[in-house]
């Protein structure tokens, strides 16, 4: 028999899921920012060579 989840356990699980989603999203944003920065550096380097 599975014990019923209490209200606090359910809300804790929801909070953990939200935290995981937020962390994954900020991770993607951070990687995207790093990629954009490196692309900008490459473009400025090419411009300097021309």
PDB file of N, CA and C in Angstrom:
ATOM      1  N   UNK A   1       0.838  -1.200   0.000  1.00  0.00           N
ATOM      2  CA  UNK A   1       0.000   0.000   0.000  1.00  0.00           C
ATOM      3  C   UNK A   1       0.876   1.255   0.000  1.00  0.00           C
ATOM      4  N   UNK A   2       0.619   2.126  -0.938  1.00  0.00           N
ATOM      5  CA  UNK A   2       1.365   3.377  -0.991  1.00  0.00           C
ATOM      6  C   UNK A   2       0.745   4.378  -0.023  1.00  0.00           C
ATOM      7  N   UNK A   3       1.543   5.023   0.796  1.00  0.00           N
ATOM      8  CA  UNK A   3       0.992   6.073   1.670  1.00  0.00           C
ATOM      9  C   UNK A   3       0.599   7.302   0.854  1.00  0.00           C
ATOM     10  N   UNK A   4      -0.450   7.960   1.302  1.00  0.00           N
ATOM     11  CA  UNK A   4      -0.894   9.167   0.603  1.00  0.00           C
ATOM     12  C   UNK A   4       0.141  10.285   0.783  1.00  0.00           C
ATOM     13  N   UNK A   5       0.372  11.032  -0.282  1.00  0.00           N
ATOM     14  CA  UNK A   5       1.266  12.184  -0.173  1.00  0.00           C
ATOM     15  C   UNK A   5       0.574  13.277   0.625  1.00  0.00           C
ATOM     16  N   UNK A   6       1.288  13.862   1.548  1.00  0.00           N
ATOM     17  CA  UNK A   6       0.723  14.979   2.299  1.00  0.00           C
ATOM     18  C   UNK A   6       0.793  16.245   1.449  1.00  0.00           C
ATOM     19  N   UNK A   7       0.040  17.258   1.862  1.00  0.00           N
ATOM     20  CA  UNK A   7       0.032  18.522   1.118  1.00  0.00           C
ATOM     21  C   UNK A   7       1.429  19.124   1.037  1.00  0.00           C
ATOM     22  N   UNK A   8       2.175  19.063   2.142  1.00  0.00           N
ATOM     23  CA  UNK A   8       3.508  19.670   2.146  1.00  0.00           C
ATOM     24  C   UNK A   8       4.450  18.922   1.216  1.00  0.00           C
ATOM     25  N   UNK A   9       4.315  17.602   1.129  1.00  0.00           N
ATOM     26  CA  UNK A   9       5.164  16.837   0.215  1.00  0.00           C
ATOM     27  C   UNK A   9       4.848  17.182  -1.232  1.00  0.00           C
ATOM     28  N   UNK A  10       3.550  17.328  -1.528  1.00  0.00           N
ATOM     29  CA  UNK A  10       3.144  17.664  -2.894  1.00  0.00           C
ATOM     30  C   UNK A  10       3.689  19.038  -3.282  1.00  0.00           C
ATOM     31  N   UNK A  11       3.524  20.024  -2.416  1.00  0.00           N
ATOM     32  CA  UNK A  11       4.002  21.370  -2.735  1.00  0.00           C
ATOM     33  C   UNK A  11       5.524  21.392  -2.815  1.00  0.00           C
ATOM     34  N   UNK A  12       6.195  20.577  -2.001  1.00  0.00           N
ATOM     35  CA  UNK A  12       7.655  20.511  -2.072  1.00  0.00           C
ATOM     36  C   UNK A  12       8.084  19.931  -3.412  1.00  0.00           C
ATOM     37  N   UNK A  13       7.366  18.906  -3.883  1.00  0.00           N
ATOM     38  CA  UNK A  13       7.682  18.320  -5.186  1.00  0.00           C
ATOM     39  C   UNK A  13       7.466  19.330  -6.306  1.00  0.00           C
ATOM     40  N   UNK A  14       6.384  20.104  -6.223  1.00  0.00           N
ATOM     41  CA  UNK A  14       6.115  21.120  -7.237  1.00  0.00           C
ATOM     42  C   UNK A  14       7.210  22.186  -7.219  1.00  0.00           C
ATOM     43  N   UNK A  15       7.624  22.588  -6.012  1.00  0.00           N
ATOM     44  CA  UNK A  15       8.684  23.588  -5.906  1.00  0.00           C
ATOM     45  C   UNK A  15       9.985  23.073  -6.485  1.00  0.00           C
ATOM     46  N   UNK A  16      10.293  21.798  -6.251  1.00  0.00           N
ATOM     47  CA  UNK A  16      11.517  21.211  -6.793  1.00  0.00           C
ATOM     48  C   UNK A  16      11.463  21.161  -8.317  1.00  0.00           C
ATOM     49  N   UNK A  17      10.306  20.798  -8.861  1.00  0.00           N
ATOM     50  CA  UNK A  17      10.150  20.748 -10.313  1.00  0.00           C
ATOM     51  C   UNK A  17      10.332  22.139 -10.913  1.00  0.00           C
ATOM     52  N   UNK A  18       9.726  23.144 -10.279  1.00  0.00           N
ATOM     53  CA  UNK A  18       9.854  24.519 -10.760  1.00  0.00           C
ATOM     54  C   UNK A  18      11.308  24.966 -10.706  1.00  0.00           C
ATOM     55  N   UNK A  19      12.003  24.593  -9.622  1.00  0.00           N
ATOM     56  CA  UNK A  19      13.411  24.944  -9.466  1.00  0.00           C
ATOM     57  C   UNK A  19      14.242  24.295 -10.568  1.00  0.00           C
ATOM     58  N   UNK A  20      13.964  23.029 -10.876  1.00  0.00           N
ATOM     59  CA  UNK A  20      14.694  22.326 -11.932  1.00  0.00           C
ATOM     60  C   UNK A  20      14.472  22.994 -13.280  1.00  0.00           C
ATOM     61  N   UNK A  21      13.208  23.346 -13.578  1.00  0.00           N
ATOM     62  CA  UNK A  21      12.886  23.987 -14.855  1.00  0.00           C
ATOM     63  C   UNK A  21      13.591  25.339 -14.958  1.00  0.00           C
ATOM     64  N   UNK A  22      13.552  26.118 -13.869  1.00  0.00           N
ATOM     65  CA  UNK A  22      14.199  27.432 -13.864  1.00  0.00           C
ATOM     66  C   UNK A  22      15.701  27.292 -14.068  1.00  0.00           C
ATOM     67  N   UNK A  23      16.303  26.311 -13.391  1.00  0.00           N
ATOM     68  CA  UNK A  23      17.743  26.089 -13.529  1.00  0.00           C
ATOM     69  C   UNK A  23      18.114  25.691 -14.941  1.00  0.00           C
ATOM     70  N   UNK A  24      17.320  24.815 -15.551  1.00  0.00           N
ATOM     71  CA  UNK A  24      17.590  24.384 -16.919  1.00  0.00           C
ATOM     72  C   UNK A  24      17.465  25.570 -17.873  1.00  0.00           C
ATOM     73  N   UNK A  25      16.445  26.421 -17.651  1.00  0.00           N
ATOM     74  CA  UNK A  25      16.222  27.571 -18.521  1.00  0.00           C
ATOM     75  C   UNK A  25      17.385  28.551 -18.430  1.00  0.00           C
ATOM     76  N   UNK A  26      17.830  28.865 -17.203  1.00  0.00           N
ATOM     77  CA  UNK A  26      18.934  29.809 -17.049  1.00  0.00           C
ATOM     78  C   UNK A  26      20.219  29.220 -17.613  1.00  0.00           C
ATOM     79  N   UNK A  27      20.359  27.894 -17.554  1.00  0.00           N
ATOM     80  CA  UNK A  27      21.516  27.228 -18.134  1.00  0.00           C
ATOM     81  C   UNK A  27      21.534  27.433 -19.647  1.00  0.00           C
ATOM     82  N   UNK A  28      20.377  27.248 -20.293  1.00  0.00           N
ATOM     83  CA  UNK A  28      20.265  27.433 -21.739  1.00  0.00           C
ATOM     84  C   UNK A  28      20.560  28.883 -22.108  1.00  0.00           C
ATOM     85  N   UNK A  29      20.007  29.820 -21.329  1.00  0.00           N
ATOM     86  CA  UNK A  29      20.237  31.245 -21.597  1.00  0.00           C
ATOM     87  C   UNK A  29      21.721  31.568 -21.465  1.00  0.00           C
ATOM     88  N   UNK A  30      22.364  31.006 -20.434  1.00  0.00           N
ATOM     89  CA  UNK A  30      23.793  31.248 -20.242  1.00  0.00           C
ATOM     90  C   UNK A  30      24.620  30.720 -21.398  1.00  0.00           C
ATOM     91  N   UNK A  31      24.291  29.528 -21.870  1.00  0.00           N
ATOM     92  CA  UNK A  31      25.016  28.949 -23.002  1.00  0.00           C
ATOM     93  C   UNK A  31      24.780  29.774 -24.258  1.00  0.00           C
ATOM     94  N   UNK A  32      23.537  30.209 -24.460  1.00  0.00           N
ATOM     95  CA  UNK A  32      23.216  31.024 -25.625  1.00  0.00           C
ATOM     96  C   UNK A  32      23.976  32.337 -25.612  1.00  0.00           C
ATOM     97  N   UNK A  33      24.077  32.955 -24.438  1.00  0.00           N
ATOM     98  CA  UNK A  33      24.820  34.207 -24.305  1.00  0.00           C
ATOM     99  C   UNK A  33      26.290  33.993 -24.627  1.00  0.00           C
ATOM    100  N   UNK A  34      26.860  32.890 -24.148  1.00  0.00           N
ATOM    101  CA  UNK A  34      28.268  32.591 -24.413  1.00  0.00           C
ATOM    102  C   UNK A  34      28.496  32.386 -25.904  1.00  0.00           C
ATOM    103  N   UNK A  35      27.556  31.695 -26.571  1.00  0.00           N
ATOM    104  CA  UNK A  35      27.680  31.455 -28.014  1.00  0.00           C
ATOM    105  C   UNK A  35      27.616  32.776 -28.772  1.00  0.00           C
ATOM    106  N   UNK A  36      26.663  33.634 -28.406  1.00  0.00           N
ATOM    107  CA  UNK A  36      26.523  34.936 -29.071  1.00  0.00           C
ATOM    108  C   UNK A  36      27.788  35.764 -28.880  1.00  0.00           C
ATOM    109  N   UNK A  37      28.343  35.749 -27.660  1.00  0.00           N
ATOM    110  CA  UNK A  37      29.558  36.514 -27.391  1.00  0.00           C
ATOM    111  C   UNK A  37      30.714  36.024 -28.250  1.00  0.00           C
ATOM    112  N   UNK A  38      30.874  34.702 -28.378  1.00  0.00           N
ATOM    113  CA  UNK A  38      31.983  34.180 -29.170  1.00  0.00           C
ATOM    114  C   UNK A  38      31.789  34.498 -30.648  1.00  0.00           C
ATOM    115  N   UNK A  39      30.529  34.466 -31.127  1.00  0.00           N
ATOM    116  CA  UNK A  39      30.261  34.830 -32.524  1.00  0.00           C
ATOM    117  C   UNK A  39      30.629  36.291 -32.762  1.00  0.00           C
ATOM    118  N   UNK A  40      30.268  37.169 -31.814  1.00  0.00           N
ATOM    119  CA  UNK A  40      30.600  38.588 -31.946  1.00  0.00           C
ATOM    120  C   UNK A  40      32.111  38.789 -31.971  1.00  0.00           C
ATOM    121  N   UNK A  41      32.833  38.033 -31.161  1.00  0.00           N
ATOM    122  CA  UNK A  41      34.291  38.141 -31.157  1.00  0.00           C
ATOM    123  C   UNK A  41      34.866  37.725 -32.500  1.00  0.00           C
ATOM    124  N   UNK A  42      34.354  36.642 -33.074  1.00  0.00           N
ATOM    125  CA  UNK A  42      34.830  36.174 -34.378  1.00  0.00           C
ATOM    126  C   UNK A  42      34.561  37.229 -35.444  1.00  0.00           C
ATOM    127  N   UNK A  43      33.358  37.813 -35.421  1.00  0.00           N
ATOM    128  CA  UNK A  43      32.996  38.829 -36.420  1.00  0.00           C
ATOM    129  C   UNK A  43      33.925  40.034 -36.304  1.00  0.00           C
ATOM    130  N   UNK A  44      34.176  40.495 -35.070  1.00  0.00           N
ATOM    131  CA  UNK A  44      35.038  41.666 -34.907  1.00  0.00           C
ATOM    132  C   UNK A  44      36.469  41.341 -35.324  1.00  0.00           C
ATOM    133  N   UNK A  45      36.919  40.114 -35.085  1.00  0.00           N
ATOM    134  CA  UNK A  45      38.266  39.711 -35.511  1.00  0.00           C
ATOM    135  C   UNK A  45      38.369  39.730 -37.026  1.00  0.00           C
ATOM    136  N   UNK A  46      37.342  39.209 -37.711  1.00  0.00           N
ATOM    137  CA  UNK A  46      37.343  39.192 -39.180  1.00  0.00           C
ATOM    138  C   UNK A  46      37.330  40.618 -39.716  1.00  0.00           C
ATOM    139  N   UNK A  47      36.546  41.490 -39.094  1.00  0.00           N
ATOM    140  CA  UNK A  47      36.488  42.885 -39.538  1.00  0.00           C
ATOM    141  C   UNK A  47      37.849  43.548 -39.399  1.00  0.00           C
ATOM    142  N   UNK A  48      38.560  43.222 -38.317  1.00  0.00           N
ATOM    143  CA  UNK A  48      39.874  43.818 -38.116  1.00  0.00           C
ATOM    144  C   UNK A  48      40.862  43.337 -39.176  1.00  0.00           C
ATOM    145  N   UNK A  49      40.701  42.123 -39.646  1.00  0.00           N
ATOM    146  CA  UNK A  49      41.606  41.592 -40.663  1.00  0.00           C
ATOM    147  C   UNK A  49      41.345  42.232 -42.020  1.00  0.00           C
ATOM    148  N   UNK A  50      40.094  42.585 -42.296  1.00  0.00           N
ATOM    149  CA  UNK A  50      39.753  43.151 -43.606  1.00  0.00           C
ATOM    150  C   UNK A  50      40.249  44.575 -43.757  1.00  0.00           C
TER     151      UNK A  50
END
